[in-house]
Protein backbone atom coordinates (compact mmCIF):
# COMPACT_ATOMS: atom_id res chain seq x y z
CA MET A 1 13.60 -29.25 -14.22
CA LYS A 2 11.63 -30.50 -11.37
CA ASN A 3 8.02 -31.34 -12.09
CA ASN A 4 6.35 -30.69 -8.79
CA LYS A 5 2.68 -31.29 -8.21
CA ARG A 6 0.57 -28.19 -7.70
CA VAL A 7 -0.82 -27.72 -4.24
CA LEU A 8 -4.23 -26.15 -3.75
CA SER A 9 -4.29 -22.81 -2.02
CA LEU A 10 -5.15 -22.86 1.66
CA LEU A 11 -7.24 -19.78 1.38
CA ALA A 12 -9.66 -18.62 -1.25
CA ALA A 13 -8.61 -15.43 -2.93
CA GLY A 14 -11.60 -15.47 -5.24
CA ALA A 15 -12.37 -11.85 -5.76
CA LEU A 16 -12.48 -10.21 -9.19
CA ILE A 17 -10.76 -6.88 -8.95
CA LEU A 18 -12.89 -3.81 -9.57
CA THR A 19 -11.85 -0.58 -11.25
CA ALA A 20 -8.81 1.33 -10.09
CA ALA A 21 -8.77 4.21 -7.66
CA CYS A 22 -6.20 6.32 -5.90
CA SER A 23 -6.13 6.82 -2.17
CA ASN A 24 -3.91 5.65 0.57
CA THR A 25 -3.86 3.14 3.40
CA PRO A 26 -4.91 3.70 7.02
CA ALA A 27 -2.19 4.06 9.60
CA ALA A 28 -0.03 1.04 10.19
CA GLU A 29 -0.56 1.31 13.89
CA SER A 30 -4.23 1.03 14.68
CA PRO A 31 -5.84 4.47 14.66
CA THR A 32 -8.31 5.55 17.26
CA PRO A 33 -11.74 4.24 16.16
CA SER A 34 -14.70 6.53 15.80
CA ALA A 35 -16.94 7.03 18.81
CA SER A 36 -19.32 4.27 17.78
CA VAL A 37 -16.52 1.69 17.67
CA GLN A 38 -16.15 -0.07 21.00
CA PRO A 39 -13.43 -2.74 20.85
CA SER A 40 -13.89 -5.48 23.38
CA GLU A 41 -12.18 -8.69 24.36
CA SER A 42 -15.51 -10.42 24.87
CA GLN A 43 -16.48 -12.87 22.15
CA PRO A 44 -20.05 -13.04 20.87
CA GLN A 45 -21.56 -16.51 21.13
CA VAL A 46 -25.02 -16.04 19.62
CA THR A 47 -25.16 -17.53 16.13
CA ALA A 48 -28.77 -18.67 15.83
CA PRO A 49 -30.07 -19.46 12.33
CA VAL A 50 -31.80 -16.84 10.21
CA THR A 51 -35.57 -16.73 10.56
CA ALA A 52 -36.99 -19.08 7.94
CA ALA A 53 -39.74 -16.72 6.88
CA ALA A 54 -37.41 -13.82 6.15
CA ASN A 55 -37.34 -12.45 2.61
CA GLY A 56 -36.27 -9.10 1.22
CA VAL A 57 -33.40 -6.61 1.12
CA PHE A 58 -32.26 -5.01 4.37
CA GLU A 59 -29.83 -2.12 4.86
CA GLY A 60 -27.42 -2.23 7.76
CA LYS A 61 -24.89 0.36 8.92
CA GLY A 62 -21.50 0.08 10.56
CA SER A 63 -18.65 2.43 11.48
CA GLY A 64 -15.22 1.96 9.89
CA TYR A 65 -11.97 3.86 9.62
CA GLY A 66 -13.40 6.44 7.21
CA GLY A 67 -16.80 6.86 8.87
CA GLU A 68 -20.21 5.25 8.40
CA LEU A 69 -20.57 2.37 5.97
CA SER A 70 -23.78 0.80 4.56
CA VAL A 71 -24.38 -2.77 3.38
CA LEU A 72 -27.47 -4.17 1.64
CA VAL A 73 -28.25 -7.74 2.70
CA THR A 74 -30.47 -9.83 0.43
CA VAL A 75 -32.41 -12.61 2.19
CA GLU A 76 -34.30 -15.37 0.36
CA ASP A 77 -36.26 -17.98 2.29
CA GLY A 78 -34.37 -17.23 5.44
CA LYS A 79 -30.91 -17.37 3.87
CA MET A 80 -28.53 -14.50 3.19
CA THR A 81 -27.83 -14.72 -0.54
CA ASP A 82 -26.06 -11.47 -1.34
CA LEU A 83 -24.22 -8.55 0.23
CA ARG A 84 -23.77 -5.22 -1.50
CA LEU A 85 -21.52 -2.43 -0.28
CA LEU A 86 -23.16 1.00 -0.56
CA ASP A 87 -21.92 4.20 1.11
CA ASN A 88 -18.27 3.67 1.80
CA HIS A 89 -15.59 6.06 2.98
CA GLU A 90 -12.90 3.44 3.50
CA SER A 91 -9.59 3.39 1.67
CA GLU A 92 -10.72 2.09 -1.71
CA PRO A 93 -7.60 0.09 -2.64
CA VAL A 94 -8.24 -1.83 0.60
CA SER A 95 -12.04 -2.02 0.70
CA LYS A 96 -12.50 -3.15 -2.89
CA ARG A 97 -10.17 -6.09 -2.27
CA ALA A 98 -11.32 -6.93 1.24
CA PHE A 99 -15.08 -6.76 0.76
CA PRO A 100 -15.41 -9.66 -1.75
CA ILE A 101 -13.38 -11.90 0.57
CA LEU A 102 -15.44 -10.91 3.60
CA LYS A 103 -18.67 -11.30 1.63
CA ASP A 104 -17.75 -14.89 0.72
CA ARG A 105 -16.94 -15.69 4.35
CA ILE A 106 -20.21 -14.28 5.66
CA LEU A 107 -22.41 -15.91 3.02
CA GLU A 108 -20.72 -19.28 3.42
CA ALA A 109 -21.04 -19.22 7.21
CA GLN A 110 -24.43 -17.43 7.20
CA THR A 111 -23.20 -15.23 10.01
CA PRO A 112 -21.10 -12.05 10.42
CA VAL A 113 -19.20 -13.87 13.16
CA VAL A 114 -16.25 -14.57 10.85
CA ASP A 115 -12.58 -13.71 10.73
CA SER A 116 -11.71 -10.20 9.63
CA VAL A 117 -9.53 -9.74 6.58
CA SER A 118 -6.07 -8.95 7.86
CA SER A 119 -4.87 -5.48 6.75
CA ALA A 120 -8.53 -4.41 6.55
CA THR A 121 -9.48 -4.65 10.22
CA PHE A 122 -11.64 -1.53 10.41
CA THR A 123 -13.34 -2.19 7.08
CA SER A 124 -14.07 -5.77 8.20
CA TYR A 125 -15.47 -4.56 11.51
CA ALA A 126 -17.70 -2.07 9.73
CA VAL A 127 -19.04 -4.67 7.29
CA LYS A 128 -19.68 -7.24 10.02
CA THR A 129 -21.52 -4.76 12.22
CA ALA A 130 -23.54 -3.57 9.22
CA VAL A 131 -24.59 -7.14 8.41
CA ALA A 132 -25.50 -7.73 12.05
CA ASP A 133 -27.52 -4.51 12.00
CA ALA A 134 -29.39 -5.64 8.88
CA ALA A 135 -29.98 -9.07 10.41
CA SER A 136 -31.64 -7.51 13.45
CA GLN A 137 -34.25 -6.10 11.07
CA PHE A 138 -35.35 -9.57 10.01
CA GLY A 139 -35.40 -10.99 13.50
CA GLN A 140 -31.88 -12.34 13.86
CA ASP A 141 -29.52 -11.54 16.74
CA PHE A 142 -25.86 -12.41 16.22
CA GLY A 143 -24.78 -10.84 19.46
CA LYS A 144 -22.36 -7.94 19.90
CA ILE A 145 -19.85 -7.66 17.08
CA THR A 146 -16.51 -6.26 18.26
CA MET A 147 -13.06 -5.69 16.83
CA ALA A 148 -12.16 -9.02 18.44
CA THR A 149 -14.88 -11.04 16.70
CA VAL A 150 -13.53 -14.08 14.87
CA SER A 151 -14.95 -17.27 13.45
CA ALA A 152 -15.75 -20.08 15.83
CA GLU A 153 -14.38 -22.53 13.27
CA ALA A 154 -10.85 -23.76 13.90
CA PRO A 155 -8.56 -23.10 10.90
CA ALA A 156 -7.34 -26.12 8.97
CA ALA A 157 -3.81 -27.34 9.65
CA PRO A 158 -1.55 -26.66 6.65
CA GLU A 159 0.42 -29.30 4.76
CA ASP A 160 3.94 -29.03 3.43
CA ALA A 161 4.19 -28.18 -0.25
CA ALA A 162 6.73 -28.34 -3.05
CA THR A 163 6.98 -26.14 -6.10
CA GLN A 164 9.40 -24.78 -8.68
CA LEU A 165 9.19 -21.17 -7.45
CA VAL A 166 7.82 -19.59 -4.30
CA VAL A 167 7.42 -15.80 -4.22
CA VAL A 168 7.18 -14.13 -0.82
CA GLY A 169 5.10 -10.95 -1.02
CA GLY A 170 2.11 -9.93 -3.11
CA GLY A 171 3.00 -6.36 -4.00
CA PRO A 172 4.13 -5.10 -7.42
CA ALA A 173 7.59 -6.69 -7.28
CA GLY A 174 6.30 -10.09 -6.16
CA LEU A 175 3.44 -10.15 -8.66
CA ALA A 176 5.76 -9.07 -11.48
CA ALA A 177 8.15 -11.90 -10.55
CA ALA A 178 5.40 -14.54 -10.49
CA ILE A 179 3.94 -13.35 -13.80
CA ALA A 180 7.31 -13.16 -15.57
CA ALA A 181 8.27 -16.63 -14.33
CA LYS A 182 5.00 -18.08 -15.61
CA GLN A 183 5.43 -16.32 -18.95
CA SER A 184 8.96 -17.73 -19.17
CA GLY A 185 7.85 -21.34 -18.76
CA VAL A 186 7.90 -21.96 -15.00
CA GLU A 187 4.77 -24.08 -14.50
CA ASP A 188 4.49 -24.30 -10.73
CA VAL A 189 4.53 -20.96 -8.92
CA ILE A 190 3.25 -20.32 -5.40
CA LEU A 191 2.92 -16.75 -4.15
CA ILE A 192 2.38 -16.19 -0.44
CA GLU A 193 1.13 -12.94 1.10
CA LYS A 194 0.92 -12.43 4.85
CA LEU A 195 -2.04 -10.05 4.67
CA GLY A 196 -5.63 -10.87 3.76
CA ILE A 197 -5.39 -9.00 0.46
CA LEU A 198 -2.61 -8.77 -2.06
CA SER A 199 -0.65 -5.87 -0.78
CA GLY A 200 2.33 -3.66 -1.25
CA ASN A 201 3.03 0.01 -1.51
CA GLY A 202 2.29 -0.05 -5.20
CA LYS A 203 -1.48 0.19 -4.90
CA PHE A 204 -1.15 3.19 -2.59
CA ASP A 205 1.39 5.00 -4.71
CA MET A 206 0.36 8.62 -5.07
CA ASN A 207 3.27 9.70 -7.24
CA PHE A 208 3.91 9.27 -10.91
CA PHE A 209 5.18 6.06 -12.50
CA ASP A 210 8.46 6.30 -14.40
CA LEU A 211 8.61 4.87 -17.92
CA ILE A 212 10.78 5.34 -20.97
CA ASN A 213 9.93 4.40 -24.56
CA SER A 214 6.23 4.54 -23.72
CA LYS A 215 3.39 5.14 -26.15
CA ALA A 216 2.48 8.29 -24.22
CA MET A 217 6.02 9.67 -24.51
CA ASN A 218 6.24 8.81 -28.18
CA LYS A 219 2.88 10.46 -28.81
CA ALA A 220 4.08 13.60 -27.01
CA GLY A 221 7.32 13.61 -29.01
CA ILE A 222 9.50 13.06 -25.92
CA GLU A 223 12.81 11.44 -26.88
CA TYR A 224 14.49 9.62 -24.04
CA THR A 225 16.91 6.74 -24.50
CA VAL A 226 18.37 4.00 -22.31
CA GLU A 227 21.60 5.99 -22.19
CA ASP A 228 19.68 9.10 -21.11
CA PHE A 229 18.14 7.08 -18.28
CA ILE A 230 21.55 5.81 -17.17
CA GLU A 231 23.00 9.33 -17.25
CA ASP A 232 20.14 10.75 -15.16
CA LYS A 233 20.36 7.96 -12.56
CA LYS A 234 24.15 7.51 -12.43
CA ASP A 235 24.52 9.20 -9.04
CA ASN A 236 21.70 7.26 -7.32
CA GLY A 237 24.05 4.64 -5.89
CA ASP A 238 23.27 1.60 -8.04
CA THR A 239 26.08 -0.47 -9.51
CA PRO A 240 26.65 0.15 -13.23
CA GLU A 241 25.35 -3.35 -13.93
CA ARG A 242 22.10 -2.89 -11.97
CA LEU A 243 21.60 0.55 -13.46
CA ARG A 244 21.85 -0.80 -17.00
CA ALA A 245 19.54 -3.72 -16.19
CA TRP A 246 17.03 -1.24 -14.76
CA ALA A 247 17.25 1.06 -17.78
CA GLU A 248 16.89 -1.74 -20.31
CA GLY A 249 14.00 -3.17 -18.30
CA GLU A 250 12.28 0.23 -18.32
CA TRP A 251 12.65 0.38 -22.12
CA THR A 252 10.31 -2.58 -22.59
CA LEU A 253 8.14 -2.12 -19.49
CA ASP A 254 5.33 -0.10 -21.08
CA ALA A 255 4.74 -2.78 -23.73
CA TRP A 256 4.75 -5.49 -21.06
CA LEU A 257 2.21 -3.62 -18.96
CA ARG A 258 0.01 -2.87 -21.96
CA ASP A 259 -0.24 -6.57 -22.68
CA MET A 260 -2.05 -6.76 -19.33
CA ASP A 261 -4.34 -3.82 -20.19
CA ILE A 262 -2.34 -1.61 -17.87
CA LEU A 263 -2.45 1.59 -19.86
CA LEU A 264 -0.41 4.56 -18.69
CA ASN A 265 -1.60 6.98 -21.30
CA GLN A 266 -0.83 10.23 -19.53
CA SER A 267 2.70 11.58 -19.77
CA ASN A 268 3.39 14.45 -17.39
CA GLY A 269 6.63 15.54 -18.90
CA GLY A 270 9.79 13.51 -18.99
CA THR A 271 9.33 10.01 -17.61
CA ASN A 272 6.38 10.76 -15.32
CA HIS A 273 3.19 8.80 -16.15
CA MET A 274 -0.34 8.42 -14.84
CA ALA A 275 -3.20 6.19 -15.92
CA GLU A 276 -5.22 9.23 -16.97
CA SER A 277 -5.01 12.94 -16.29
CA ASP A 278 -6.78 12.46 -12.94
CA VAL A 279 -5.74 8.89 -12.01
CA TYR A 280 -2.44 7.95 -10.40
CA ALA A 281 -0.76 4.81 -11.67
CA GLY A 282 -0.46 2.83 -8.41
CA ASP A 283 -3.73 1.00 -7.96
CA HIS A 284 -4.25 0.74 -11.72
CA ILE A 285 -0.99 -1.21 -12.08
CA GLN A 286 -1.55 -3.37 -8.98
CA THR A 287 -5.04 -4.27 -10.18
CA GLY A 288 -3.75 -5.37 -13.59
CA LEU A 289 -0.93 -7.42 -12.10
CA GLU A 290 -3.30 -9.17 -9.70
CA LYS A 291 -5.70 -10.02 -12.51
CA ARG A 292 -2.96 -11.46 -14.74
CA ALA A 293 -1.44 -13.53 -11.92
CA TYR A 294 -4.79 -15.21 -11.28
CA GLU A 295 -5.32 -15.73 -15.03
CA LEU A 296 -1.95 -17.46 -15.35
CA GLY A 297 -2.79 -19.86 -12.53
CA VAL A 298 -0.35 -18.60 -9.93
CA ASP A 299 -1.18 -20.40 -6.66
CA ILE A 300 -1.88 -17.33 -4.52
CA ARG A 301 -2.07 -17.96 -0.78
CA LEU A 302 -3.33 -15.09 1.34
CA GLU A 303 -2.75 -14.84 5.08
CA ASN A 304 0.33 -17.03 4.61
CA LYS A 305 3.35 -15.31 6.18
CA GLY A 306 6.90 -16.21 5.23
CA THR A 307 8.93 -16.30 8.44
CA ASP A 308 12.24 -17.91 7.50
CA LEU A 309 14.33 -19.29 4.66
CA ILE A 310 15.14 -22.98 4.37
CA MET A 311 18.89 -23.13 3.82
CA THR A 312 20.59 -26.42 2.90
CA ASP A 313 24.39 -26.35 2.71
CA GLY A 314 24.38 -22.70 1.75
CA VAL A 315 21.62 -23.12 -0.86
CA CYS A 316 18.16 -21.63 -0.44
CA THR A 317 15.67 -24.46 -0.88
CA GLY A 318 12.42 -23.02 0.39
CA VAL A 319 10.48 -20.94 2.87
CA VAL A 320 8.92 -21.52 6.29
CA VAL A 321 5.31 -20.29 6.28
CA GLU A 322 3.03 -19.35 9.17
CA THR A 323 -0.79 -19.49 8.92
CA LYS A 324 -3.67 -19.31 11.40
CA GLY A 325 -3.75 -23.09 11.33
CA GLY A 326 -0.05 -23.60 12.01
CA THR A 327 3.35 -23.60 10.31
CA TYR A 328 4.40 -25.48 7.18
CA ASN A 329 7.29 -25.60 4.70
CA ILE A 330 7.30 -24.84 1.00
CA THR A 331 10.34 -26.37 -0.69
CA ALA A 332 11.26 -24.91 -4.05
CA ASP A 333 13.89 -24.75 -6.76
CA ALA A 334 13.99 -20.98 -6.29
CA VAL A 335 12.73 -18.33 -3.87
CA VAL A 336 11.99 -14.68 -4.66
CA VAL A 337 11.70 -12.42 -1.60
CA ALA A 338 9.62 -9.29 -2.29
CA THR A 339 8.45 -8.35 1.18
CA GLY A 340 8.98 -4.59 0.98
CA GLY A 341 10.74 -2.24 3.36
CA PHE A 342 10.49 -1.59 7.09
CA CYS A 343 8.78 1.78 7.48
CA ASN A 344 6.22 0.15 9.78
CA ASN A 345 8.81 -1.34 12.12
CA LYS A 346 9.85 1.20 14.75
CA GLU A 347 12.50 -1.14 16.16
CA LEU A 348 14.27 -1.54 12.83
CA LEU A 349 13.95 2.17 12.09
CA ALA A 350 15.57 2.95 15.44
CA LYS A 351 18.33 0.43 14.72
CA TYR A 352 19.20 1.50 11.20
CA THR A 353 18.04 5.11 10.73
CA ASP A 354 18.90 8.33 12.52
CA GLY A 355 15.73 9.25 14.39
CA ASN A 356 13.14 8.42 11.75
CA GLU A 357 11.31 6.11 14.13
CA VAL A 358 9.51 9.20 15.54
CA LEU A 359 7.63 9.66 12.25
CA GLU A 360 4.59 7.76 11.01
CA THR A 361 4.52 6.36 7.50
CA SER A 362 2.60 6.56 4.25
CA ASN A 363 3.48 2.90 3.63
CA SER A 364 1.34 -0.19 3.52
CA MET A 365 0.88 -1.76 6.94
CA GLY A 366 2.75 -4.83 5.70
CA THR A 367 6.13 -3.09 5.48
CA THR A 368 7.55 -4.47 8.71
CA GLY A 369 10.91 -5.78 7.45
CA ASP A 370 10.14 -9.40 8.33
CA PHE A 371 13.11 -10.78 6.39
CA VAL A 372 15.77 -8.31 7.59
CA PRO A 373 16.67 -10.50 10.61
CA VAL A 374 16.47 -13.58 8.36
CA PHE A 375 19.06 -12.10 6.02
CA GLU A 376 21.20 -11.06 8.98
CA LYS A 377 21.30 -14.47 10.63
CA ASN A 378 22.17 -16.19 7.35
CA GLY A 379 25.13 -13.89 6.64
CA MET A 380 23.59 -12.14 3.65
CA GLY A 381 24.64 -8.64 2.73
CA LEU A 382 22.68 -5.54 3.73
CA GLU A 383 23.40 -2.11 2.25
CA ASN A 384 22.29 1.50 2.63
CA MET A 385 20.02 0.60 5.54
CA GLY A 386 20.00 4.17 6.82
CA LYS A 387 18.78 5.73 3.58
CA MET A 388 15.17 6.96 3.70
CA SER A 389 12.65 8.66 1.50
CA VAL A 390 10.63 11.07 3.63
CA PHE A 391 7.48 12.69 2.26
CA SER A 392 6.88 16.18 3.57
CA TYR A 393 3.10 16.04 3.96
CA ILE A 394 0.49 13.33 4.25
CA LEU A 395 -3.09 13.86 5.32
CA ASN A 396 -3.75 13.21 8.99
CA PRO A 397 -5.35 10.79 9.83
CA ARG A 398 -5.57 9.52 6.22
CA ARG A 399 -2.34 8.40 4.59
CA ASP A 400 -2.70 10.13 1.21
CA LEU A 401 0.32 12.07 0.02
CA THR A 402 -0.60 15.73 -0.31
CA GLY A 403 1.02 19.09 -0.81
CA GLY A 404 3.23 20.26 -3.62
CA GLY A 405 3.33 23.43 -5.63
CA SER A 406 4.19 26.87 -4.35
CA GLY A 407 2.47 29.45 -2.21
CA PHE A 408 1.20 27.21 0.59
CA LEU A 409 1.44 28.05 4.27
CA LEU A 410 2.08 25.71 7.17
CA VAL A 411 0.71 26.79 10.56
CA ASN A 412 0.11 25.31 14.00
CA LYS A 413 -3.17 25.32 15.91
CA ASN A 414 -2.44 28.87 17.07
CA GLY A 415 -2.43 29.94 13.42
CA GLU A 416 1.32 30.66 13.58
CA ARG A 417 3.92 29.83 10.94
CA PHE A 418 6.81 28.03 12.60
CA LEU A 419 9.31 27.36 9.80
CA ASP A 420 10.32 28.25 6.26
CA GLU A 421 7.90 26.22 4.16
CA LYS A 422 10.08 26.38 1.08
CA THR A 423 13.34 25.02 2.53
CA THR A 424 12.43 22.77 5.46
CA SER A 425 11.80 19.10 4.71
CA GLY A 426 12.57 15.55 5.79
CA LEU A 427 13.12 14.56 9.40
CA LYS A 428 13.73 18.21 10.37
CA LEU A 429 10.25 19.12 9.13
CA GLY A 430 8.63 16.13 10.82
CA THR A 431 10.32 16.91 14.13
CA ALA A 432 9.26 20.56 13.92
CA ILE A 433 5.63 19.53 13.45
CA LEU A 434 5.77 17.17 16.43
CA GLU A 435 7.07 20.03 18.58
CA GLN A 436 3.98 22.18 17.90
CA PRO A 437 0.96 22.31 20.28
CA ASP A 438 -0.74 18.91 20.18
CA GLY A 439 1.85 17.88 17.57
CA ALA A 440 -0.46 19.35 14.93
CA ALA A 441 0.22 21.23 11.71
CA PHE A 442 -2.12 22.49 9.02
CA TYR A 443 -1.41 22.83 5.31
CA LEU A 444 -3.17 25.88 3.82
CA ALA A 445 -3.73 26.54 0.13
CA ASP A 446 -5.28 29.48 -1.66
CA ARG A 447 -7.26 29.46 -4.89
CA THR A 448 -4.15 29.94 -7.03
CA LEU A 449 -2.47 26.86 -5.56
CA TYR A 450 -5.72 24.90 -5.82
CA GLU A 451 -5.92 25.63 -9.53
CA ASP A 452 -2.23 24.82 -10.10
CA ASN A 453 -1.79 21.64 -8.05
CA PHE A 454 -3.34 18.30 -8.95
CA ARG A 455 -3.10 16.73 -5.51
CA THR A 456 -4.82 19.65 -3.83
CA ARG A 457 -7.71 19.64 -6.31
CA LYS A 458 -8.10 15.88 -5.98
CA HIS A 459 -8.19 15.96 -2.20
CA VAL A 460 -10.53 18.95 -1.99
CA THR A 461 -12.92 17.14 -4.33
CA ALA A 462 -12.68 14.00 -2.19
CA GLY A 463 -13.59 15.98 0.92
CA TYR A 464 -10.21 15.62 2.64
CA TYR A 465 -9.72 19.40 2.91
CA GLN A 466 -11.82 21.96 4.71
CA GLN A 467 -12.88 24.97 2.63
CA GLY A 468 -13.66 28.53 3.70
CA GLU A 469 -14.54 31.63 1.78
CA THR A 470 -12.56 33.63 4.33
CA LEU A 471 -9.54 32.87 6.49
CA GLU A 472 -11.76 33.18 9.56
CA GLU A 473 -14.19 30.57 8.23
CA LEU A 474 -11.38 28.18 7.35
CA ALA A 475 -9.79 28.63 10.78
CA GLU A 476 -13.05 27.77 12.51
CA LYS A 477 -13.48 24.60 10.45
CA LEU A 478 -9.91 23.50 11.13
CA GLY A 479 -10.04 24.34 14.84
CA ILE A 480 -7.19 26.85 14.73
CA ASP A 481 -6.95 30.41 16.03
CA ALA A 482 -8.48 32.79 13.46
CA ALA A 483 -6.68 35.94 14.66
CA GLY A 484 -3.35 34.15 14.67
CA LEU A 485 -3.94 32.82 11.16
CA LYS A 486 -4.92 36.19 9.76
CA ALA A 487 -1.86 37.79 11.32
CA ALA A 488 0.38 35.04 9.90
CA VAL A 489 -0.93 35.57 6.37
CA GLU A 490 -0.50 39.35 6.66
CA ASP A 491 3.06 38.92 7.92
CA TYR A 492 3.86 36.43 5.16
CA ASN A 493 2.63 38.76 2.43
CA ALA A 494 4.47 41.72 3.96
CA ASN A 495 7.76 39.82 4.13
CA LEU A 496 7.70 37.52 1.12
CA PRO A 497 10.56 35.03 0.85
CA GLU A 498 12.67 35.49 -2.26
CA GLY A 499 10.88 34.20 -5.33
CA ALA A 500 7.61 33.61 -3.47
CA ARG A 501 4.20 34.93 -4.46
CA PRO A 502 1.72 36.51 -2.04
CA PHE A 503 -1.05 34.41 -0.53
CA ASP A 504 -4.33 35.30 -2.26
CA ALA A 505 -6.13 38.29 -0.75
CA GLU A 506 -9.50 36.70 -1.42
CA GLY A 507 -10.85 33.18 -0.92
CA PRO A 508 -11.76 30.50 -1.21
CA TYR A 509 -9.09 28.96 0.99
CA TYR A 510 -8.40 25.29 1.69
CA GLY A 511 -6.74 23.51 4.58
CA SER A 512 -6.04 20.11 6.07
CA LYS A 513 -4.22 18.67 9.06
CA VAL A 514 -0.96 17.09 7.89
CA GLN A 515 2.13 15.29 9.14
CA THR A 516 5.52 14.30 7.77
CA ALA A 517 5.92 10.61 6.99
CA ASN A 518 8.50 7.99 6.17
CA HIS A 519 7.64 7.17 2.57
CA MET A 520 10.02 4.29 1.94
CA THR A 521 13.18 2.67 3.23
CA LYS A 522 15.80 2.50 0.52
CA GLY A 523 18.26 0.09 2.08
CA GLY A 524 17.91 -3.66 2.03
CA VAL A 525 19.47 -6.98 1.13
CA THR A 526 22.24 -6.84 -1.44
CA ALA A 527 21.26 -8.18 -4.88
CA ASN A 528 23.03 -8.12 -8.23
CA GLU A 529 21.70 -7.08 -11.64
CA ARG A 530 20.01 -10.53 -12.00
CA THR A 531 18.33 -9.97 -8.60
CA GLN A 532 20.36 -12.79 -7.06
CA VAL A 533 20.90 -12.22 -3.34
CA LEU A 534 24.54 -11.98 -2.22
CA PHE A 535 26.27 -13.16 0.92
CA GLU A 536 28.28 -10.59 2.90
CA ASP A 537 31.42 -11.68 1.00
CA GLY A 538 29.77 -10.83 -2.33
CA THR A 539 29.13 -14.40 -3.50
CA VAL A 540 25.72 -15.46 -4.83
CA VAL A 541 23.23 -17.26 -2.58
CA PRO A 542 22.11 -20.12 -4.85
CA GLY A 543 18.35 -20.31 -5.27
CA LEU A 544 17.56 -16.92 -3.67
CA TYR A 545 16.42 -13.74 -5.45
CA ALA A 546 15.04 -10.42 -4.20
CA ALA A 547 13.20 -7.49 -5.77
CA GLY A 548 11.47 -4.31 -4.71
CA GLU A 549 11.88 -2.33 -1.52
CA VAL A 550 13.35 -5.32 0.33
CA THR A 551 16.57 -4.59 -1.62
CA TRP A 552 18.64 -1.42 -2.01
CA ILE A 553 16.33 0.47 -4.34
CA SER A 554 17.08 3.93 -5.63
CA GLY A 555 14.09 4.19 -7.93
CA ALA A 556 10.99 3.14 -6.00
CA TYR A 557 7.86 1.88 -7.75
CA SER A 558 8.93 1.43 -11.39
CA ALA A 559 12.20 -0.12 -10.24
CA ALA A 560 10.24 -2.61 -8.10
CA VAL A 561 8.15 -3.74 -11.08
CA THR A 562 11.17 -3.83 -13.38
CA PHE A 563 13.37 -5.88 -11.05
CA GLY A 564 10.44 -8.12 -10.11
CA ARG A 565 10.07 -8.94 -13.80
CA ILE A 566 13.83 -9.51 -14.08
CA ALA A 567 13.69 -11.86 -11.08
CA GLY A 568 11.00 -14.03 -12.68
CA GLN A 569 12.90 -14.20 -15.98
CA CYS A 570 16.20 -15.07 -14.29
CA VAL A 571 14.58 -17.78 -12.16
CA ALA A 572 13.29 -19.39 -15.37
CA GLU A 573 16.76 -19.21 -16.95
CA ASP A 574 18.34 -20.81 -13.89
CA ILE A 575 15.94 -23.66 -13.10
CA LEU A 576 14.57 -24.77 -16.46
């Protein structure tokens, strides 16, 4: 075993994670800012000190991705001593992680002229403008804050590092790998994440989390064995060896998560689990994993992007890392790549999938397939690269998964139905929506669907849906033709598809603009049941492991956590 000296993190991660929530990420490609946002290439230069006589608490406002945001700024003897986030309509899994980091930067520098948190650009802009607004109330002018505002301080140049294990990617698979390695005796673990917050699709997951042998299942009297799991998943495309490793990992996963106070107490039939009856599992799990990784002393380096593998005579011996201050190398006994898929890379989608590049995505903005060309140039195997998971409806412009249940209608801005809602899905559905006037479609639900469908109730409560007591009122709020909508509903009820129920004759009615989205890429680098990466000829790449959506993954979120855990355990077996 190598006993490498720990290297201090280049960037402070220092934020305690707050309570879990469930919403989704803003669009990977920068959305159009609200009217009050005026991006500019000009750089503010005014950074005069705070007025010495200033004391008190001042409220400032800024405009972010979700609308107006308020920040309370506490000033004592001319110095900003505290920032508190008030009204906030940003994506909570992002804002709750980004705000503590941004707060530390602003208080340390005593100015909002600081670097934004990458992956939280709009939230950062809103907070910085809010602080500048508050500062103007106590006589301080920091100049015009824009989307381009960055710190005047030059970033420190990084130094090369050495460790036992380096994990690339701070999502559920990467965190699970780092934690499991630590728990298995690996002392020196560095985890790098290219974004300014620990990120991955896990925290945005709006589906259920699959478990077997869980406390919730046992309490509900649901019997489901490892062999049952294997039988149900046998046609998914995994090798028999990977399928068994996945199933056996699932059998002990609930207990492992519970040890981190990750409690999935709600069983929704079969293997489906949520944190509670009204809380999806995604952010709850990510939060717990982040907390445990910090507790175990994992050296977490944010805004550190892995760009290449260090290969020495066919052995993986480290990673090349890019930071704002420059590039450096991390040499290691083992490398785990957990960088996710490529739903946010139009070029790779066009190369490997059949037309899916026309769709947007529900994914984290970090899923850009950074290591796909790295694997290619090093002769490592890739498999199932054209396989996609496409989600029928996400909220537009928010990224929350919505829809589900029966009895909904899909109409265009003319109020017209344009397809069979029950049978049309995937790329065909997404293309049909894009062909409508303004490329717009609207998901309509009646009271019966509202009462039956969890997602709809959750999103109506959150204010993501418009509500009308009549179809005419709903049409006006959505900006669609009322006469066309009324005619469409009448025609639907008069010619019901087989097995369908009529749309309610009385309101209330609910509606939201939606789009079809790439939910995950399923293809990736070839890895065996121990998560070891394979060359194109099927031989093992010594020192290299992969887990999560960066590999061929038939199971999504729970498989990512399971194989991340397996990766950490196997690294420990191999290097200790």
